[in-house]
Protein backbone atom coordinates (compact mmCIF):
# COMPACT_ATOMS: atom_id res chain seq x y z
CA MET A 1 117.96 101.19 73.71
CA GLU A 2 118.41 103.26 70.56
CA TYR A 3 119.78 101.40 67.50
CA ARG A 4 121.26 102.73 64.26
CA LYS A 5 122.48 101.13 61.05
CA ILE A 6 126.24 101.00 60.51
CA GLY A 7 128.72 99.28 58.23
CA CYS A 8 128.77 97.85 54.74
CA ASP A 9 125.89 95.48 55.47
CA GLU A 10 124.03 98.10 57.53
CA ARG A 11 123.97 96.00 60.67
CA THR A 12 121.98 97.57 63.47
CA ALA A 13 124.16 98.59 66.43
CA SER A 14 123.28 99.98 69.81
CA LEU A 15 123.88 103.72 69.92
CA LEU A 16 125.71 103.18 73.21
CA GLY A 17 128.89 101.20 72.68
CA PHE A 18 130.77 99.58 75.56
CA GLY A 19 134.37 100.80 75.46
CA CYS A 20 136.68 98.23 77.05
CA MET A 21 139.70 100.36 77.95
CA ARG A 22 138.63 101.60 81.40
CA PHE A 23 137.37 98.53 83.23
CA PRO A 24 137.52 98.65 87.04
CA THR A 25 140.84 97.31 88.31
CA THR A 26 142.19 95.52 91.36
CA PRO A 27 144.89 97.09 93.58
CA ASP A 28 147.59 95.41 91.48
CA GLY A 29 146.27 97.05 88.30
CA LYS A 30 144.64 93.97 86.79
CA ILE A 31 141.07 93.96 85.46
CA ASP A 32 138.59 93.37 88.27
CA GLU A 33 137.02 90.57 86.26
CA ALA A 34 134.06 89.90 88.52
CA GLU A 35 132.93 93.53 88.53
CA ALA A 36 133.75 94.15 84.87
CA GLU A 37 131.84 91.03 83.81
CA LYS A 38 128.87 92.13 85.90
CA MET A 39 128.93 95.51 84.12
CA MET A 40 129.17 93.96 80.66
CA ASP A 41 126.44 91.43 81.37
CA TYR A 42 124.07 94.11 82.60
CA ALA A 43 124.80 96.36 79.61
CA ILE A 44 124.24 93.50 77.16
CA ALA A 45 121.03 92.45 78.93
CA SER A 46 119.88 96.07 78.62
CA GLY A 47 120.43 96.15 74.87
CA VAL A 48 124.07 97.13 74.29
CA THR A 49 125.36 95.22 71.26
CA TYR A 50 128.52 97.12 70.20
CA ILE A 51 131.61 96.06 72.19
CA ASP A 52 134.89 97.89 71.48
CA THR A 53 138.31 96.71 72.59
CA ALA A 54 141.90 96.96 71.28
CA PHE A 55 145.25 95.18 71.38
CA PRO A 56 146.93 97.42 74.03
CA TYR A 57 143.98 98.01 76.39
CA HIS A 58 144.63 97.01 80.00
CA GLY A 59 148.19 95.95 79.22
CA GLY A 60 147.02 93.61 76.49
CA GLU A 61 144.47 91.80 78.68
CA SER A 62 141.27 93.48 77.46
CA GLU A 63 140.83 91.37 74.32
CA THR A 64 141.26 88.11 76.23
CA PHE A 65 138.81 89.15 78.95
CA VAL A 66 136.24 90.50 76.50
CA GLY A 67 136.44 87.34 74.41
CA LYS A 68 135.83 85.22 77.49
CA VAL A 69 132.77 87.25 78.56
CA LEU A 70 131.28 87.26 75.07
CA SER A 71 131.69 83.49 74.76
CA LYS A 72 128.50 83.19 76.86
CA TYR A 73 126.46 84.85 74.12
CA PRO A 74 125.44 83.77 70.61
CA ARG A 75 127.98 85.15 68.10
CA ASN A 76 125.30 86.93 66.09
CA SER A 77 123.91 88.75 69.15
CA TYR A 78 126.68 91.35 69.42
CA LEU A 79 129.08 93.38 67.26
CA LEU A 80 132.75 93.11 68.23
CA ALA A 81 135.29 95.79 67.36
CA THR A 82 139.04 95.69 67.84
CA LYS A 83 142.03 97.46 66.31
CA LEU A 84 145.37 96.86 64.61
CA PRO A 85 148.23 98.49 66.60
CA ILE A 86 150.14 100.20 63.79
CA TRP A 87 153.02 101.11 66.14
CA ASN A 88 153.72 97.36 66.59
CA ILE A 89 154.17 96.55 62.90
CA LYS A 90 156.94 97.06 60.38
CA THR A 91 155.92 94.55 57.71
CA ILE A 92 152.68 93.14 56.34
CA GLU A 93 153.60 89.81 57.99
CA ASP A 94 153.61 91.60 61.36
CA ALA A 95 150.09 92.88 60.69
CA ARG A 96 148.82 89.44 59.66
CA ASN A 97 150.39 87.77 62.69
CA ILE A 98 148.92 90.31 65.11
CA PHE A 99 145.46 89.93 63.58
CA GLU A 100 145.61 86.14 63.95
CA LEU A 101 146.80 86.58 67.55
CA GLN A 102 143.85 88.89 68.20
CA LEU A 103 141.38 86.30 66.90
CA LYS A 104 143.02 83.76 69.20
CA LYS A 105 142.85 86.06 72.23
CA LEU A 106 139.24 86.95 71.49
CA ASN A 107 138.47 83.27 70.76
CA LYS A 108 136.43 84.32 67.74
CA ASP A 109 136.40 83.38 64.06
CA TYR A 110 135.85 86.92 62.85
CA VAL A 111 135.68 90.57 63.94
CA ASP A 112 132.66 92.67 63.01
CA PHE A 113 134.48 96.01 62.97
CA TYR A 114 138.27 96.18 62.53
CA LEU A 115 140.12 99.48 62.77
CA LEU A 116 143.56 100.81 61.98
CA HIS A 117 144.28 102.14 65.45
CA ALA A 118 144.93 105.82 66.20
CA LEU A 119 145.97 106.85 62.70
CA ASN A 120 148.09 109.95 62.24
CA LYS A 121 150.16 110.99 59.24
CA GLU A 122 153.17 108.85 60.13
CA LYS A 123 151.17 105.68 60.80
CA TRP A 124 149.08 106.24 57.68
CA GLU A 125 152.19 106.48 55.50
CA LEU A 126 153.39 103.16 56.91
CA CYS A 127 150.01 101.55 56.18
CA LYS A 128 150.20 102.66 52.56
CA GLU A 129 153.84 101.66 52.22
CA ILE A 130 153.42 98.04 53.35
CA GLY A 131 149.94 97.46 51.93
CA VAL A 132 147.85 97.12 55.08
CA LEU A 133 144.59 97.91 53.30
CA ASP A 134 145.22 95.10 50.80
CA LEU A 135 145.59 92.73 53.73
CA LEU A 136 142.37 93.93 55.36
CA CYS A 137 140.48 93.54 52.08
CA GLU A 138 141.84 89.99 51.81
CA LEU A 139 140.71 89.23 55.37
CA LYS A 140 137.32 90.74 54.67
CA LYS A 141 136.91 88.59 51.56
CA ALA A 142 137.81 85.55 53.68
CA GLY A 143 135.09 86.49 56.18
CA LYS A 144 137.46 87.25 59.06
CA ILE A 145 136.59 90.97 59.03
CA ARG A 146 133.11 92.28 58.33
CA ASN A 147 133.82 96.04 58.24
CA ILE A 148 137.05 97.99 57.71
CA GLY A 149 137.62 101.33 59.43
CA PHE A 150 140.11 103.49 61.29
CA SER A 151 140.33 105.53 64.45
CA PHE A 152 141.98 108.91 64.18
CA HIS A 153 144.20 111.36 66.11
CA ASP A 154 145.72 114.10 63.97
CA SER A 155 144.78 117.28 62.08
CA TYR A 156 141.77 117.75 59.82
CA SER A 157 143.94 117.82 56.69
CA VAL A 158 145.32 114.36 57.48
CA PHE A 159 141.79 113.10 58.20
CA GLU A 160 140.61 114.41 54.84
CA GLU A 161 143.42 112.60 53.03
CA ILE A 162 142.74 109.30 54.78
CA ILE A 163 138.95 109.23 54.50
CA LYS A 164 139.05 110.07 50.78
CA TYR A 165 141.73 107.46 49.98
CA PHE A 166 139.62 104.32 50.45
CA LYS A 167 135.99 103.23 50.57
CA TRP A 168 135.78 102.85 54.35
CA ASP A 169 132.88 101.00 55.94
CA PHE A 170 133.06 103.29 58.99
CA CYS A 171 135.49 105.42 60.96
CA GLN A 172 135.99 106.53 64.54
CA ILE A 173 136.79 110.08 65.65
CA GLN A 174 137.03 112.04 68.87
CA LEU A 175 134.13 114.47 69.30
CA ASN A 176 132.42 116.23 72.19
CA TYR A 177 130.90 119.64 72.79
CA MET A 178 134.22 121.09 73.93
CA ASP A 179 136.35 119.68 71.10
CA THR A 180 134.36 120.57 68.00
CA SER A 181 137.45 122.17 66.43
CA GLU A 182 140.03 119.63 67.62
CA GLN A 183 141.49 116.92 65.36
CA ALA A 184 138.84 115.92 62.78
CA GLY A 185 136.19 117.84 64.74
CA MET A 186 132.88 118.95 63.25
CA ARG A 187 134.54 119.54 59.86
CA GLY A 188 135.48 115.88 59.88
CA TYR A 189 131.97 114.91 60.91
CA ARG A 190 130.48 116.81 57.98
CA LEU A 191 133.02 115.37 55.54
CA ALA A 192 132.32 111.80 56.67
CA GLU A 193 128.60 112.44 56.39
CA SER A 194 128.96 113.80 52.84
CA LEU A 195 130.97 110.72 51.85
CA GLY A 196 128.48 108.32 53.42
CA VAL A 197 130.96 107.00 56.00
CA PRO A 198 129.18 106.14 59.29
CA LEU A 199 130.84 107.43 62.45
CA VAL A 200 131.71 105.86 65.77
CA ILE A 201 132.50 108.52 68.39
CA MET A 202 135.14 108.25 71.10
CA GLU A 203 135.75 110.63 74.01
CA PRO A 204 132.17 111.99 74.01
CA ILE A 205 132.66 112.93 77.68
CA LYS A 206 136.27 114.09 77.16
CA GLY A 207 137.84 111.39 79.30
CA GLY A 208 135.32 112.01 82.06
CA ALA A 209 135.89 115.78 82.25
CA LEU A 210 132.36 116.57 81.02
CA ALA A 211 130.82 114.28 83.62
CA ASN A 212 132.11 116.47 86.44
CA ILE A 213 131.78 120.05 85.27
CA PRO A 214 131.60 123.01 87.69
CA LYS A 215 128.18 123.41 89.35
CA GLU A 216 127.49 126.84 87.88
CA VAL A 217 128.11 125.46 84.38
CA TYR A 218 125.90 122.43 84.95
CA LYS A 219 123.07 124.71 86.09
CA ILE A 220 122.97 126.30 82.62
CA MET A 221 121.80 122.98 81.19
CA ASP A 222 119.87 121.72 84.19
CA SER A 223 117.72 124.85 84.23
CA VAL A 224 116.42 123.92 80.77
CA THR A 225 115.76 120.21 81.39
CA PRO A 226 116.23 119.31 85.07
CA GLY A 227 117.47 115.99 86.36
CA ARG A 228 119.80 114.77 83.64
CA SER A 229 123.41 114.04 84.53
CA ALA A 230 126.25 116.10 83.08
CA ALA A 231 127.45 112.98 81.25
CA SER A 232 124.00 112.53 79.73
CA TRP A 233 124.07 116.05 78.28
CA ALA A 234 127.45 115.35 76.67
CA LEU A 235 126.33 112.03 75.22
CA ARG A 236 123.06 113.39 73.83
CA TYR A 237 124.86 116.34 72.22
CA VAL A 238 126.90 113.93 70.10
CA ALA A 239 124.05 111.45 69.62
CA SER A 240 121.86 114.17 68.12
CA LEU A 241 124.11 114.18 65.04
CA PRO A 242 122.44 111.83 62.51
CA ASN A 243 125.61 110.30 61.08
CA VAL A 244 126.77 109.25 64.55
CA LYS A 245 125.89 105.56 64.73
CA VAL A 246 127.72 104.43 67.89
CA ILE A 247 128.99 106.41 70.87
CA LEU A 248 131.68 104.70 72.91
CA SER A 249 131.80 105.09 76.65
CA GLY A 250 134.71 103.60 78.59
CA MET A 251 132.70 102.73 81.67
CA SER A 252 134.66 101.99 84.84
CA THR A 253 131.88 101.75 87.44
CA PHE A 254 128.47 100.11 87.57
CA ASP A 255 126.90 103.51 88.27
CA GLN A 256 128.28 104.78 84.98
CA VAL A 257 126.67 101.85 83.19
CA LEU A 258 123.32 102.66 84.80
CA ASP A 259 123.56 106.37 83.96
CA ASN A 260 124.50 105.71 80.34
CA LEU A 261 121.73 103.16 79.91
CA ASN A 262 119.29 105.69 81.31
CA THR A 263 120.46 108.18 78.66
CA PHE A 264 119.89 105.79 75.76
CA THR A 265 116.67 104.17 76.97
CA ASP A 266 113.70 106.00 75.49
CA TYR A 267 116.34 108.22 73.88
CA GLU A 268 115.46 111.62 72.43
CA ASP A 269 117.68 114.02 70.46
CA LEU A 270 118.40 117.38 72.03
CA THR A 271 115.85 120.06 71.31
CA ASP A 272 116.98 123.39 69.85
CA GLU A 273 116.68 124.91 73.33
CA GLU A 274 118.82 122.13 74.81
CA ILE A 275 121.46 122.50 72.07
CA ALA A 276 121.67 126.21 72.87
CA ALA A 277 122.07 125.36 76.56
CA VAL A 278 124.97 122.98 75.86
CA GLU A 279 126.68 125.57 73.67
CA ASN A 280 126.23 128.20 76.39
CA ALA A 281 127.71 125.77 78.90
CA ALA A 282 130.69 125.20 76.61
CA ASP A 283 131.24 128.97 76.38
CA ALA A 284 131.06 129.20 80.17
CA ILE A 285 133.69 126.47 80.52
CA ARG A 286 136.02 128.19 78.05
CA ALA A 287 135.59 131.48 79.91
CA ARG A 288 137.17 129.84 82.97
CA VAL A 289 140.62 129.41 81.35
CA LYS A 290 143.50 130.85 83.33
CA ASN A 291 145.38 132.28 80.34
CA GLY A 292 145.33 132.26 76.55
CA CYS A 293 148.04 129.67 75.88
CA THR A 294 147.28 127.84 72.62
CA GLY A 295 150.00 125.21 73.04
CA CYS A 296 151.89 126.41 69.96
CA ALA A 297 155.22 125.85 71.82
CA TYR A 298 156.94 128.84 70.22
CA CYS A 299 158.23 129.58 73.73
CA MET A 300 160.11 126.29 73.80
CA PRO A 301 162.62 125.02 74.60
CA CYS A 302 162.92 126.76 77.94
CA PRO A 303 166.63 127.22 78.80
CA ASN A 304 165.93 125.92 82.31
CA GLY A 305 163.72 123.00 81.27
CA VAL A 306 160.25 124.24 82.20
CA ASN A 307 157.58 122.59 80.06
CA ILE A 308 155.65 125.81 79.62
CA PRO A 309 152.84 124.59 77.30
CA ARG A 310 152.22 121.51 79.45
CA VAL A 311 152.08 123.52 82.67
CA PHE A 312 149.60 125.96 81.15
CA LYS A 313 147.48 123.14 79.73
CA ILE A 314 147.19 121.55 83.17
CA TRP A 315 146.45 124.94 84.74
CA ASN A 316 143.84 125.86 82.14
CA ASN A 317 142.13 122.47 82.37
CA TYR A 318 141.98 122.92 86.13
CA GLY A 319 140.37 126.31 85.63
CA MET A 320 137.82 125.02 83.11
CA TYR A 321 136.78 121.77 84.80
CA ASP A 322 137.77 122.32 88.45
CA ASN A 323 139.09 118.77 88.62
CA LYS A 324 141.57 118.98 91.48
CA LYS A 325 142.50 115.31 91.48
CA ALA A 326 143.40 115.26 87.78
CA ALA A 327 145.26 118.57 87.97
CA LYS A 328 147.32 117.41 90.94
CA LYS A 329 148.14 114.09 89.30
CA ASN A 330 149.13 115.71 86.01
CA TYR A 331 151.22 118.47 87.57
CA PHE A 332 153.16 116.28 89.97
CA SER A 333 153.76 113.69 87.26
CA LEU A 334 156.06 116.29 85.66
CA GLU A 335 159.72 116.10 86.56
CA LEU A 336 160.71 118.81 89.03
CA GLU A 337 162.74 120.68 86.40
CA ASN A 338 159.71 120.73 84.08
CA ARG A 339 157.34 122.36 86.60
CA ALA A 340 156.64 126.07 86.82
CA SER A 341 158.69 126.32 90.03
CA ALA A 342 161.86 125.79 87.96
CA CYS A 343 161.39 129.14 86.19
CA VAL A 344 164.39 131.47 86.76
CA GLU A 345 162.69 134.48 85.10
CA CYS A 346 165.22 134.74 82.29
CA GLY A 347 162.50 136.09 79.97
CA ALA A 348 163.59 134.12 76.90
CA CYS A 349 160.07 132.78 76.42
CA GLU A 350 158.06 136.01 76.56
CA SER A 351 159.56 137.62 73.46
CA LEU A 352 158.66 134.51 71.44
CA CYS A 353 155.01 134.18 72.50
CA PRO A 354 152.56 135.05 69.67
CA GLN A 355 149.85 135.63 72.28
CA HIS A 356 152.11 138.09 74.19
CA LEU A 357 151.35 136.28 77.44
CA SER A 358 152.95 137.31 80.71
CA ILE A 359 154.55 133.88 80.94
CA ILE A 360 156.77 134.52 83.94
CA SER A 361 153.91 135.91 86.01
CA ASP A 362 151.52 133.17 84.87
CA LEU A 363 154.01 130.44 85.73
CA LYS A 364 154.20 131.79 89.28
CA LYS A 365 150.40 131.80 89.53
CA ALA A 366 150.16 128.30 88.07
CA ASP A 367 152.73 126.88 90.44
CA LYS A 368 151.07 128.52 93.44
CA GLU A 369 147.65 127.11 92.58
CA LEU A 370 148.71 123.66 91.44
CA SER A 371 151.23 123.05 94.21
CA ARG A 372 148.66 123.46 96.96
CA LEU A 373 146.03 121.10 95.51
């Protein structure tokens, strides 16, 4: 297992972190505790030390389950991360009470890495207004938190404001070879690196999309270094960045645990040739988009209720990743009036589109393809 230093005391963490939001589940939606515990035990026995959970994961059950599994191990043998749900607090007393509840659920005296969860501009303003950082500093001084950080979902400009506001011990961003310009992206990576803030990476496989890429795209990478899984290519792309200290993977099957452990055992950064192959694969995926919708939503609202940007996002993701199951689920989760089939060809949208897309025609194509999945 590869290990890297992270945090204010430069603790050594496994480069592979076990994300605890996608455990296998039973038919009634509960955590399949026997299988999930087997997966965690095997990962820990194989060298994984960074365990990441959060208050809302698995309907609030993840922290309790993770705490129970970790109780078998010496407290100094792993690094435990969890997060403060900003959307659940209005006052500093709310934040304090939730933190104490989290310690109780985890059955632990302290948390190694504590994050403000999923910060965006609105949540960040609330944190400043009620003094959340003062509370976290107090808890850190008391030994209940070892490292203070945040996870992030907003624009680069918001990320820049947040990361420069406070001396963070670490932070967590979304990054993968398809999303280098999304949210904080590579600009955020470089800024964090320049400020000396270690990074934990989430969504390195883009929610599983990069583990099941089209065959012709996978061949671009496999022809350079045969035998590695698509997920392994995605993980190594992010891991090759020196300021990335932990890469989270929300593993939901034992096979995924085995594949990820294989990636990080006797780990090697991507070579220049392999980096070029991944970038070529990313270009090949982008070339498969169905149309040029950017999601700007200038076409909205549709007078008849069609969710045009959402329909095109589902259609384009289907084109790029060829994931029929996900496309079908996402399309048919839309209300009937929000699907492309509800278009009455009024044309109100097309005059507003900055990309000058043939929206009416594309909606027909999208509905035809997605409806027969």
